[in-house]
PDB file of N, CA and C in Angstrom:
ATOM      1  N   UNK A   1     239.695  22.581 213.099  1.00  0.00           N
ATOM      2  CA  UNK A   1     239.685  23.913 212.534  1.00  0.00           C
ATOM      3  C   UNK A   1     239.820  24.959 213.626  1.00  0.00           C
ATOM      4  N   UNK A   2     239.144  24.713 214.741  1.00  0.00           N
ATOM      5  CA  UNK A   2     239.177  25.661 215.845  1.00  0.00           C
ATOM      6  C   UNK A   2     240.585  25.763 216.431  1.00  0.00           C
ATOM      7  N   UNK A   3     241.293  24.663 216.559  1.00  0.00           N
ATOM      8  CA  UNK A   3     242.645  24.693 217.110  1.00  0.00           C
ATOM      9  C   UNK A   3     243.612  25.390 216.149  1.00  0.00           C
ATOM     10  N   UNK A   4     243.417  25.244 214.859  1.00  0.00           N
ATOM     11  CA  UNK A   4     244.264  25.917 213.881  1.00  0.00           C
ATOM     12  C   UNK A   4     244.096  27.426 213.984  1.00  0.00           C
ATOM     13  N   UNK A   5     242.874  27.882 214.161  1.00  0.00           N
ATOM     14  CA  UNK A   5     242.601  29.313 214.318  1.00  0.00           C
ATOM     15  C   UNK A   5     243.240  29.843 215.592  1.00  0.00           C
ATOM     16  N   UNK A   6     243.155  29.071 216.665  1.00  0.00           N
ATOM     17  CA  UNK A   6     243.755  29.503 217.944  1.00  0.00           C
ATOM     18  C   UNK A   6     245.275  29.599 217.833  1.00  0.00           C
ATOM     19  N   UNK A   7     245.896  28.627 217.165  1.00  0.00           N
ATOM     20  CA  UNK A   7     247.346  28.651 216.998  1.00  0.00           C
ATOM     21  C   UNK A   7     247.747  29.854 216.147  1.00  0.00           C
ATOM     22  N   UNK A   8     246.987  30.110 215.083  1.00  0.00           N
ATOM     23  CA  UNK A   8     247.261  31.248 214.212  1.00  0.00           C
ATOM     24  C   UNK A   8     247.172  32.566 214.988  1.00  0.00           C
ATOM     25  N   UNK A   9     246.133  32.724 215.809  1.00  0.00           N
ATOM     26  CA  UNK A   9     245.981  33.933 216.626  1.00  0.00           C
ATOM     27  C   UNK A   9     247.098  34.056 217.654  1.00  0.00           C
ATOM     28  N   UNK A  10     247.502  32.930 218.234  1.00  0.00           N
ATOM     29  CA  UNK A  10     248.604  32.954 219.193  1.00  0.00           C
ATOM     30  C   UNK A  10     249.901  33.411 218.519  1.00  0.00           C
ATOM     31  N   UNK A  11     250.166  32.944 217.313  1.00  0.00           N
ATOM     32  CA  UNK A  11     251.361  33.361 216.595  1.00  0.00           C
ATOM     33  C   UNK A  11     251.342  34.853 216.300  1.00  0.00           C
ATOM     34  N   UNK A  12     250.199  35.379 215.945  1.00  0.00           N
ATOM     35  CA  UNK A  12     250.074  36.815 215.686  1.00  0.00           C
ATOM     36  C   UNK A  12     250.327  37.603 216.967  1.00  0.00           C
ATOM     37  N   UNK A  13     249.749  37.155 218.080  1.00  0.00           N
ATOM     38  CA  UNK A  13     249.953  37.841 219.355  1.00  0.00           C
ATOM     39  C   UNK A  13     251.413  37.828 219.776  1.00  0.00           C
ATOM     40  N   UNK A  14     252.081  36.701 219.584  1.00  0.00           N
ATOM     41  CA  UNK A  14     253.494  36.611 219.950  1.00  0.00           C
ATOM     42  C   UNK A  14     254.310  37.577 219.102  1.00  0.00           C
ATOM     43  N   UNK A  15     254.024  37.664 217.815  1.00  0.00           N
ATOM     44  CA  UNK A  15     254.738  38.594 216.936  1.00  0.00           C
ATOM     45  C   UNK A  15     254.509  40.047 217.345  1.00  0.00           C
ATOM     46  N   UNK A  16     253.314  40.371 217.772  1.00  0.00           N
ATOM     47  CA  UNK A  16     253.014  41.737 218.199  1.00  0.00           C
ATOM     48  C   UNK A  16     253.684  42.095 219.509  1.00  0.00           C
ATOM     49  N   UNK A  17     253.951  41.091 220.336  1.00  0.00           N
ATOM     50  CA  UNK A  17     254.560  41.345 221.641  1.00  0.00           C
ATOM     51  C   UNK A  17     256.067  41.562 221.540  1.00  0.00           C
ATOM     52  N   UNK A  18     256.700  41.172 220.459  1.00  0.00           N
ATOM     53  CA  UNK A  18     258.146  41.349 220.300  1.00  0.00           C
ATOM     54  C   UNK A  18     258.381  42.726 219.697  1.00  0.00           C
ATOM     55  N   UNK A  19     258.994  43.688 220.470  1.00  0.00           N
ATOM     56  CA  UNK A  19     259.120  45.071 220.002  1.00  0.00           C
ATOM     57  C   UNK A  19     259.984  45.244 218.763  1.00  0.00           C
ATOM     58  N   UNK A  20     260.996  44.382 218.549  1.00  0.00           N
ATOM     59  CA  UNK A  20     261.875  44.556 217.401  1.00  0.00           C
ATOM     60  C   UNK A  20     261.154  44.335 216.072  1.00  0.00           C
ATOM     61  N   UNK A  21     260.087  43.580 216.096  1.00  0.00           N
ATOM     62  CA  UNK A  21     259.405  43.289 214.843  1.00  0.00           C
ATOM     63  C   UNK A  21     258.325  44.307 214.521  1.00  0.00           C
ATOM     64  N   UNK A  22     257.993  45.173 215.480  1.00  0.00           N
ATOM     65  CA  UNK A  22     256.965  46.179 215.220  1.00  0.00           C
ATOM     66  C   UNK A  22     257.532  47.226 214.274  1.00  0.00           C
ATOM     67  N   UNK A  23     256.932  47.423 213.089  1.00  0.00           N
ATOM     68  CA  UNK A  23     257.502  48.335 212.111  1.00  0.00           C
ATOM     69  C   UNK A  23     257.431  49.803 212.528  1.00  0.00           C
ATOM     70  N   UNK A  24     256.552  50.166 213.421  1.00  0.00           N
ATOM     71  CA  UNK A  24     256.393  51.568 213.810  1.00  0.00           C
ATOM     72  C   UNK A  24     256.586  51.762 215.307  1.00  0.00           C
ATOM     73  N   UNK A  25     257.520  51.025 215.897  1.00  0.00           N
ATOM     74  CA  UNK A  25     257.759  51.202 217.321  1.00  0.00           C
ATOM     75  C   UNK A  25     258.380  52.583 217.555  1.00  0.00           C
ATOM     76  N   UNK A  26     258.220  53.093 218.755  1.00  0.00           N
ATOM     77  CA  UNK A  26     258.762  54.405 219.102  1.00  0.00           C
ATOM     78  C   UNK A  26     260.275  54.438 218.925  1.00  0.00           C
ATOM     79  N   UNK A  27     260.942  53.336 219.303  1.00  0.00           N
ATOM     80  CA  UNK A  27     262.401  53.278 219.150  1.00  0.00           C
ATOM     81  C   UNK A  27     262.818  53.387 217.687  1.00  0.00           C
ATOM     82  N   UNK A  28     262.135  52.685 216.808  1.00  0.00           N
ATOM     83  CA  UNK A  28     262.530  52.732 215.397  1.00  0.00           C
ATOM     84  C   UNK A  28     262.246  54.102 214.798  1.00  0.00           C
ATOM     85  N   UNK A  29     261.168  54.738 215.216  1.00  0.00           N
ATOM     86  CA  UNK A  29     260.859  56.087 214.725  1.00  0.00           C
ATOM     87  C   UNK A  29     261.922  57.070 215.197  1.00  0.00           C
ATOM     88  N   UNK A  30     262.296  56.993 216.493  1.00  0.00           N
ATOM     89  CA  UNK A  30     263.322  57.893 217.021  1.00  0.00           C
ATOM     90  C   UNK A  30     264.670  57.653 216.347  1.00  0.00           C
ATOM     91  N   UNK A  31     265.034  56.386 216.121  1.00  0.00           N
ATOM     92  CA  UNK A  31     266.292  56.091 215.432  1.00  0.00           C
ATOM     93  C   UNK A  31     266.302  56.704 214.042  1.00  0.00           C
ATOM     94  N   UNK A  32     265.201  56.581 213.345  1.00  0.00           N
ATOM     95  CA  UNK A  32     265.108  57.144 212.000  1.00  0.00           C
ATOM     96  C   UNK A  32     265.255  58.662 212.034  1.00  0.00           C
ATOM     97  N   UNK A  33     264.570  59.318 212.961  1.00  0.00           N
ATOM     98  CA  UNK A  33     264.639  60.781 213.057  1.00  0.00           C
ATOM     99  C   UNK A  33     266.041  61.247 213.434  1.00  0.00           C
ATOM    100  N   UNK A  34     266.682  60.572 214.354  1.00  0.00           N
ATOM    101  CA  UNK A  34     268.047  60.938 214.756  1.00  0.00           C
ATOM    102  C   UNK A  34     269.000  60.804 213.577  1.00  0.00           C
ATOM    103  N   UNK A  35     268.876  59.719 212.818  1.00  0.00           N
ATOM    104  CA  UNK A  35     269.736  59.529 211.649  1.00  0.00           C
ATOM    105  C   UNK A  35     269.492  60.617 210.610  1.00  0.00           C
ATOM    106  N   UNK A  36     268.229  61.008 210.410  1.00  0.00           N
ATOM    107  CA  UNK A  36     267.920  62.075 209.458  1.00  0.00           C
ATOM    108  C   UNK A  36     268.577  63.390 209.874  1.00  0.00           C
ATOM    109  N   UNK A  37     268.488  63.717 211.164  1.00  0.00           N
ATOM    110  CA  UNK A  37     269.073  64.967 211.654  1.00  0.00           C
ATOM    111  C   UNK A  37     270.590  64.928 211.522  1.00  0.00           C
ATOM    112  N   UNK A  38     271.215  63.830 211.911  1.00  0.00           N
ATOM    113  CA  UNK A  38     272.671  63.726 211.826  1.00  0.00           C
ATOM    114  C   UNK A  38     273.148  63.784 210.378  1.00  0.00           C
ATOM    115  N   UNK A  39     272.417  63.174 209.469  1.00  0.00           N
ATOM    116  CA  UNK A  39     272.800  63.224 208.059  1.00  0.00           C
ATOM    117  C   UNK A  39     272.632  64.619 207.488  1.00  0.00           C
ATOM    118  N   UNK A  40     271.717  65.414 208.054  1.00  0.00           N
ATOM    119  CA  UNK A  40     271.468  66.753 207.549  1.00  0.00           C
ATOM    120  C   UNK A  40     272.432  67.800 208.075  1.00  0.00           C
ATOM    121  N   UNK A  41     273.222  67.468 209.077  1.00  0.00           N
ATOM    122  CA  UNK A  41     274.166  68.441 209.635  1.00  0.00           C
ATOM    123  C   UNK A  41     275.318  68.689 208.685  1.00  0.00           C
ATOM    124  N   UNK A  42     275.697  69.954 208.578  1.00  0.00           N
ATOM    125  CA  UNK A  42     276.863  70.288 207.777  1.00  0.00           C
ATOM    126  C   UNK A  42     278.100  70.099 208.635  1.00  0.00           C
ATOM    127  N   UNK A  43     279.060  69.409 208.114  1.00  0.00           N
ATOM    128  CA  UNK A  43     280.315  69.212 208.835  1.00  0.00           C
ATOM    129  C   UNK A  43     281.328  70.189 208.264  1.00  0.00           C
ATOM    130  N   UNK A  44     281.820  71.048 209.121  1.00  0.00           N
ATOM    131  CA  UNK A  44     282.765  72.077 208.683  1.00  0.00           C
ATOM    132  C   UNK A  44     284.140  71.456 208.465  1.00  0.00           C
ATOM    133  N   UNK A  45     284.769  71.819 207.356  1.00  0.00           N
ATOM    134  CA  UNK A  45     286.113  71.329 207.081  1.00  0.00           C
ATOM    135  C   UNK A  45     287.170  72.346 207.489  1.00  0.00           C
ATOM    136  N   UNK A  46     286.722  73.492 208.024  1.00  0.00           N
ATOM    137  CA  UNK A  46     287.691  74.495 208.469  1.00  0.00           C
ATOM    138  C   UNK A  46     288.347  74.033 209.765  1.00  0.00           C
ATOM    139  N   UNK A  47     289.553  74.512 210.041  1.00  0.00           N
ATOM    140  CA  UNK A  47     290.227  74.106 211.272  1.00  0.00           C
ATOM    141  C   UNK A  47     289.441  74.559 212.502  1.00  0.00           C
ATOM    142  N   UNK A  48     289.614  73.838 213.586  1.00  0.00           N
ATOM    143  CA  UNK A  48     288.897  74.148 214.826  1.00  0.00           C
ATOM    144  C   UNK A  48     289.275  75.537 215.329  1.00  0.00           C
ATOM    145  N   UNK A  49     288.279  76.265 215.813  1.00  0.00           N
ATOM    146  CA  UNK A  49     288.536  77.600 216.348  1.00  0.00           C
ATOM    147  C   UNK A  49     288.845  77.486 217.832  1.00  0.00           C
ATOM    148  N   UNK A  50     289.618  78.436 218.302  1.00  0.00           N
ATOM    149  CA  UNK A  50     290.025  78.450 219.703  1.00  0.00           C
ATOM    150  C   UNK A  50     289.545  79.748 220.330  1.00  0.00           C
ATOM    151  N   UNK A  51     289.024  79.650 221.546  1.00  0.00           N
ATOM    152  CA  UNK A  51     288.587  80.850 222.250  1.00  0.00           C
ATOM    153  C   UNK A  51     289.743  81.373 223.095  1.00  0.00           C
ATOM    154  N   UNK A  52     290.038  82.651 222.923  1.00  0.00           N
ATOM    155  CA  UNK A  52     291.089  83.307 223.686  1.00  0.00           C
ATOM    156  C   UNK A  52     290.446  84.347 224.584  1.00  0.00           C
ATOM    157  N   UNK A  53     290.819  84.334 225.868  1.00  0.00           N
ATOM    158  CA  UNK A  53     290.215  85.250 226.838  1.00  0.00           C
ATOM    159  C   UNK A  53     291.288  85.949 227.662  1.00  0.00           C
ATOM    160  N   UNK A  54     290.993  87.175 228.070  1.00  0.00           N
ATOM    161  CA  UNK A  54     291.850  87.950 228.977  1.00  0.00           C
ATOM    162  C   UNK A  54     290.955  88.679 229.968  1.00  0.00           C
ATOM    163  N   UNK A  55     291.517  89.021 231.108  1.00  0.00           N
ATOM    164  CA  UNK A  55     290.801  89.829 232.097  1.00  0.00           C
ATOM    165  C   UNK A  55     291.369  91.241 232.077  1.00  0.00           C
ATOM    166  N   UNK A  56     290.486  92.223 231.996  1.00  0.00           N
ATOM    167  CA  UNK A  56     290.883  93.632 231.979  1.00  0.00           C
ATOM    168  C   UNK A  56     290.328  94.284 233.242  1.00  0.00           C
ATOM    169  N   UNK A  57     291.231  94.736 234.128  1.00  0.00           N
ATOM    170  CA  UNK A  57     290.806  95.371 235.373  1.00  0.00           C
ATOM    171  C   UNK A  57     291.021  96.875 235.286  1.00  0.00           C
ATOM    172  N   UNK A  58     290.017  97.613 235.757  1.00  0.00           N
ATOM    173  CA  UNK A  58     290.082  99.078 235.764  1.00  0.00           C
ATOM    174  C   UNK A  58     289.603  99.588 237.106  1.00  0.00           C
ATOM    175  N   UNK A  59     290.054 100.768 237.493  1.00  0.00           N
ATOM    176  CA  UNK A  59     289.526 101.360 238.715  1.00  0.00           C
ATOM    177  C   UNK A  59     288.185 102.012 238.387  1.00  0.00           C
ATOM    178  N   UNK A  60     287.305 102.029 239.368  1.00  0.00           N
ATOM    179  CA  UNK A  60     285.978 102.615 239.166  1.00  0.00           C
ATOM    180  C   UNK A  60     284.942 101.582 238.764  1.00  0.00           C
ATOM    181  N   UNK A  61     283.824 102.064 238.220  1.00  0.00           N
ATOM    182  CA  UNK A  61     282.668 101.227 237.915  1.00  0.00           C
ATOM    183  C   UNK A  61     282.687 100.570 236.544  1.00  0.00           C
ATOM    184  N   UNK A  62     283.527 101.011 235.623  1.00  0.00           N
ATOM    185  CA  UNK A  62     283.518 100.512 234.253  1.00  0.00           C
ATOM    186  C   UNK A  62     284.839  99.859 233.869  1.00  0.00           C
ATOM    187  N   UNK A  63     284.746  98.786 233.085  1.00  0.00           N
ATOM    188  CA  UNK A  63     285.928  98.151 232.511  1.00  0.00           C
ATOM    189  C   UNK A  63     285.539  97.674 231.119  1.00  0.00           C
ATOM    190  N   UNK A  64     286.332  98.059 230.114  1.00  0.00           N
ATOM    191  CA  UNK A  64     285.998  97.752 228.718  1.00  0.00           C
ATOM    192  C   UNK A  64     286.995  96.792 228.094  1.00  0.00           C
ATOM    193  N   UNK A  65     286.501  96.000 227.147  1.00  0.00           N
ATOM    194  CA  UNK A  65     287.331  95.046 226.411  1.00  0.00           C
ATOM    195  C   UNK A  65     287.989  95.735 225.229  1.00  0.00           C
ATOM    196  N   UNK A  66     289.143  95.214 224.790  1.00  0.00           N
ATOM    197  CA  UNK A  66     289.782  95.737 223.583  1.00  0.00           C
ATOM    198  C   UNK A  66     288.890  95.487 222.360  1.00  0.00           C
ATOM    199  N   UNK A  67     289.166  96.190 221.276  1.00  0.00           N
ATOM    200  CA  UNK A  67     288.386  96.038 220.045  1.00  0.00           C
ATOM    201  C   UNK A  67     288.423  94.589 219.571  1.00  0.00           C
ATOM    202  N   UNK A  68     287.276  94.091 219.124  1.00  0.00           N
ATOM    203  CA  UNK A  68     287.167  92.735 218.610  1.00  0.00           C
ATOM    204  C   UNK A  68     286.870  91.684 219.657  1.00  0.00           C
ATOM    205  N   UNK A  69     286.791  92.088 220.918  1.00  0.00           N
ATOM    206  CA  UNK A  69     286.489  91.142 221.994  1.00  0.00           C
ATOM    207  C   UNK A  69     285.141  91.499 222.610  1.00  0.00           C
ATOM    208  N   UNK A  70     284.495  90.493 223.230  1.00  0.00           N
ATOM    209  CA  UNK A  70     283.212  90.719 223.907  1.00  0.00           C
ATOM    210  C   UNK A  70     283.322  90.286 225.358  1.00  0.00           C
ATOM    211  N   UNK A  71     282.503  90.897 226.203  1.00  0.00           N
ATOM    212  CA  UNK A  71     282.470  90.567 227.629  1.00  0.00           C
ATOM    213  C   UNK A  71     281.735  89.244 227.817  1.00  0.00           C
ATOM    214  N   UNK A  72     282.345  88.347 228.579  1.00  0.00           N
ATOM    215  CA  UNK A  72     281.672  87.094 228.938  1.00  0.00           C
ATOM    216  C   UNK A  72     281.353  87.033 230.423  1.00  0.00           C
ATOM    217  N   UNK A  73     281.885  87.977 231.206  1.00  0.00           N
ATOM    218  CA  UNK A  73     281.599  88.031 232.634  1.00  0.00           C
ATOM    219  C   UNK A  73     282.270  89.225 233.272  1.00  0.00           C
ATOM    220  N   UNK A  74     281.776  89.589 234.452  1.00  0.00           N
ATOM    221  CA  UNK A  74     282.313  90.753 235.160  1.00  0.00           C
ATOM    222  C   UNK A  74     282.557  90.403 236.621  1.00  0.00           C
ATOM    223  N   UNK A  75     283.448  91.163 237.261  1.00  0.00           N
ATOM    224  CA  UNK A  75     283.682  91.056 238.700  1.00  0.00           C
ATOM    225  C   UNK A  75     283.847  92.472 239.227  1.00  0.00           C
ATOM    226  N   UNK A  76     283.328  92.685 240.447  1.00  0.00           N
ATOM    227  CA  UNK A  76     283.353  94.022 241.035  1.00  0.00           C
ATOM    228  C   UNK A  76     284.008  93.987 242.406  1.00  0.00           C
ATOM    229  N   UNK A  77     284.671  95.084 242.762  1.00  0.00           N
ATOM    230  CA  UNK A  77     285.309  95.199 244.066  1.00  0.00           C
ATOM    231  C   UNK A  77     284.306  95.342 245.198  1.00  0.00           C
ATOM    232  N   UNK A  78     284.805  95.231 246.405  1.00  0.00           N
ATOM    233  CA  UNK A  78     284.011  95.328 247.642  1.00  0.00           C
ATOM    234  C   UNK A  78     282.900  94.286 247.704  1.00  0.00           C
ATOM    235  N   UNK A  79     283.099  93.156 247.032  1.00  0.00           N
ATOM    236  CA  UNK A  79     282.116  92.067 247.100  1.00  0.00           C
ATOM    237  C   UNK A  79     280.799  92.367 246.413  1.00  0.00           C
ATOM    238  N   UNK A  80     280.799  93.325 245.538  1.00  0.00           N
ATOM    239  CA  UNK A  80     279.574  93.670 244.816  1.00  0.00           C
ATOM    240  C   UNK A  80     279.284  92.593 243.768  1.00  0.00           C
ATOM    241  N   UNK A  81     278.080  92.066 243.762  1.00  0.00           N
ATOM    242  CA  UNK A  81     277.692  91.040 242.797  1.00  0.00           C
ATOM    243  C   UNK A  81     276.678  91.544 241.796  1.00  0.00           C
ATOM    244  N   UNK A  82     276.461  92.843 241.768  1.00  0.00           N
ATOM    245  CA  UNK A  82     275.454  93.416 240.884  1.00  0.00           C
ATOM    246  C   UNK A  82     276.135  94.166 239.747  1.00  0.00           C
ATOM    247  N   UNK A  83     276.033  93.618 238.528  1.00  0.00           N
ATOM    248  CA  UNK A  83     276.674  94.235 237.376  1.00  0.00           C
ATOM    249  C   UNK A  83     275.854  93.976 236.133  1.00  0.00           C
ATOM    250  N   UNK A  84     276.145  94.722 235.076  1.00  0.00           N
ATOM    251  CA  UNK A  84     275.513  94.497 233.785  1.00  0.00           C
ATOM    252  C   UNK A  84     276.538  94.747 232.688  1.00  0.00           C
ATOM    253  N   UNK A  85     276.207  94.305 231.496  1.00  0.00           N
ATOM    254  CA  UNK A  85     277.089  94.485 230.343  1.00  0.00           C
ATOM    255  C   UNK A  85     276.475  95.538 229.433  1.00  0.00           C
ATOM    256  N   UNK A  86     277.283  96.501 229.065  1.00  0.00           N
ATOM    257  CA  UNK A  86     276.822  97.586 228.190  1.00  0.00           C
ATOM    258  C   UNK A  86     277.494  97.460 226.831  1.00  0.00           C
ATOM    259  N   UNK A  87     276.679  97.394 225.789  1.00  0.00           N
ATOM    260  CA  UNK A  87     277.197  97.381 224.424  1.00  0.00           C
ATOM    261  C   UNK A  87     278.101  96.215 224.087  1.00  0.00           C
ATOM    262  N   UNK A  88     277.957  95.095 224.723  1.00  0.00           N
ATOM    263  CA  UNK A  88     278.718  93.861 224.472  1.00  0.00           C
ATOM    264  C   UNK A  88     280.189  93.915 224.852  1.00  0.00           C
ATOM    265  N   UNK A  89     280.722  95.097 225.188  1.00  0.00           N
ATOM    266  CA  UNK A  89     282.159  95.130 225.487  1.00  0.00           C
ATOM    267  C   UNK A  89     282.527  95.898 226.749  1.00  0.00           C
ATOM    268  N   UNK A  90     281.545  96.303 227.566  1.00  0.00           N
ATOM    269  CA  UNK A  90     281.850  97.063 228.781  1.00  0.00           C
ATOM    270  C   UNK A  90     281.101  96.497 229.981  1.00  0.00           C
ATOM    271  N   UNK A  91     281.842  96.256 231.073  1.00  0.00           N
ATOM    272  CA  UNK A  91     281.227  95.850 232.337  1.00  0.00           C
ATOM    273  C   UNK A  91     280.914  97.098 233.160  1.00  0.00           C
ATOM    274  N   UNK A  92     279.756  97.081 233.806  1.00  0.00           N
ATOM    275  CA  UNK A  92     279.337  98.182 234.661  1.00  0.00           C
ATOM    276  C   UNK A  92     278.913  97.609 236.011  1.00  0.00           C
ATOM    277  N   UNK A  93     279.629  97.982 237.070  1.00  0.00           N
ATOM    278  CA  UNK A  93     279.268  97.547 238.418  1.00  0.00           C
ATOM    279  C   UNK A  93     278.226  98.506 238.986  1.00  0.00           C
ATOM    280  N   UNK A  94     277.169  97.955 239.606  1.00  0.00           N
ATOM    281  CA  UNK A  94     276.030  98.765 240.006  1.00  0.00           C
ATOM    282  C   UNK A  94     275.988  99.142 241.483  1.00  0.00           C
ATOM    283  N   UNK A  95     276.899  98.647 242.296  1.00  0.00           N
ATOM    284  CA  UNK A  95     276.873  98.982 243.723  1.00  0.00           C
ATOM    285  C   UNK A  95     277.352 100.423 243.944  1.00  0.00           C
ATOM    286  N   UNK A  96     276.959 101.011 245.090  1.00  0.00           N
ATOM    287  CA  UNK A  96     277.271 102.415 245.342  1.00  0.00           C
ATOM    288  C   UNK A  96     278.759 102.656 245.578  1.00  0.00           C
ATOM    289  N   UNK A  97     279.457 101.700 246.195  1.00  0.00           N
ATOM    290  CA  UNK A  97     280.891 101.872 246.448  1.00  0.00           C
ATOM    291  C   UNK A  97     281.656 100.797 245.703  1.00  0.00           C
ATOM    292  N   UNK A  98     282.464 101.206 244.740  1.00  0.00           N
ATOM    293  CA  UNK A  98     283.253 100.272 243.920  1.00  0.00           C
ATOM    294  C   UNK A  98     284.661 100.840 243.776  1.00  0.00           C
ATOM    295  N   UNK A  99     285.684 100.008 244.038  1.00  0.00           N
ATOM    296  CA  UNK A  99     287.049 100.481 243.830  1.00  0.00           C
ATOM    297  C   UNK A  99     287.647  99.931 242.530  1.00  0.00           C
ATOM    298  N   UNK A 100     287.156  98.784 242.041  1.00  0.00           N
ATOM    299  CA  UNK A 100     287.663  98.222 240.790  1.00  0.00           C
ATOM    300  C   UNK A 100     286.580  97.404 240.093  1.00  0.00           C
ATOM    301  N   UNK A 101     286.751  97.242 238.792  1.00  0.00           N
ATOM    302  CA  UNK A 101     285.857  96.420 237.973  1.00  0.00           C
ATOM    303  C   UNK A 101     286.724  95.618 237.011  1.00  0.00           C
ATOM    304  N   UNK A 102     286.421  94.330 236.880  1.00  0.00           N
ATOM    305  CA  UNK A 102     287.149  93.474 235.938  1.00  0.00           C
ATOM    306  C   UNK A 102     286.176  92.940 234.897  1.00  0.00           C
ATOM    307  N   UNK A 103     286.584  93.013 233.641  1.00  0.00           N
ATOM    308  CA  UNK A 103     285.810  92.450 232.539  1.00  0.00           C
ATOM    309  C   UNK A 103     286.570  91.232 232.012  1.00  0.00           C
ATOM    310  N   UNK A 104     285.869  90.136 231.844  1.00  0.00           N
ATOM    311  CA  UNK A 104     286.447  88.956 231.199  1.00  0.00           C
ATOM    312  C   UNK A 104     286.114  89.064 229.723  1.00  0.00           C
ATOM    313  N   UNK A 105     287.138  89.214 228.889  1.00  0.00           N
ATOM    314  CA  UNK A 105     286.970  89.497 227.460  1.00  0.00           C
ATOM    315  C   UNK A 105     287.456  88.307 226.638  1.00  0.00           C
ATOM    316  N   UNK A 106     286.631  87.897 225.654  1.00  0.00           N
ATOM    317  CA  UNK A 106     286.984  86.724 224.837  1.00  0.00           C
ATOM    318  C   UNK A 106     286.713  86.997 223.362  1.00  0.00           C
ATOM    319  N   UNK A 107     287.411  86.231 222.513  1.00  0.00           N
ATOM    320  CA  UNK A 107     287.137  86.220 221.065  1.00  0.00           C
ATOM    321  C   UNK A 107     287.618  84.884 220.486  1.00  0.00           C
ATOM    322  N   UNK A 108     287.065  84.516 219.321  1.00  0.00           N
ATOM    323  CA  UNK A 108     287.468  83.283 218.643  1.00  0.00           C
ATOM    324  C   UNK A 108     288.636  83.585 217.718  1.00  0.00           C
ATOM    325  N   UNK A 109     289.630  82.679 217.750  1.00  0.00           N
ATOM    326  CA  UNK A 109     290.783  82.836 216.858  1.00  0.00           C
ATOM    327  C   UNK A 109     290.874  81.669 215.904  1.00  0.00           C
TER     328      UNK A 109
END
């Protein structure tokens, strides 16, 4: 009887040591959550959008994007690296001496 109990306990221990058989292992929980999130995503059937960008250079401290475009980056003359974006469509260089300002303008088409 004692040996039967020991064999039974050994079988239980072996089953617990095999990660694939554990019903609540971290891997199985993560797989389930990932599948839930992926199934919940909406897949758009509209055609892929393309980003179109142009650079607009102006003399002085300000450079603005055309209507419908937004600034994604700025560049300033005389090696100035200090700039900010005003109102989503205008680059403003902040250094005291600036000869030109370039705005990188983009929109989705």
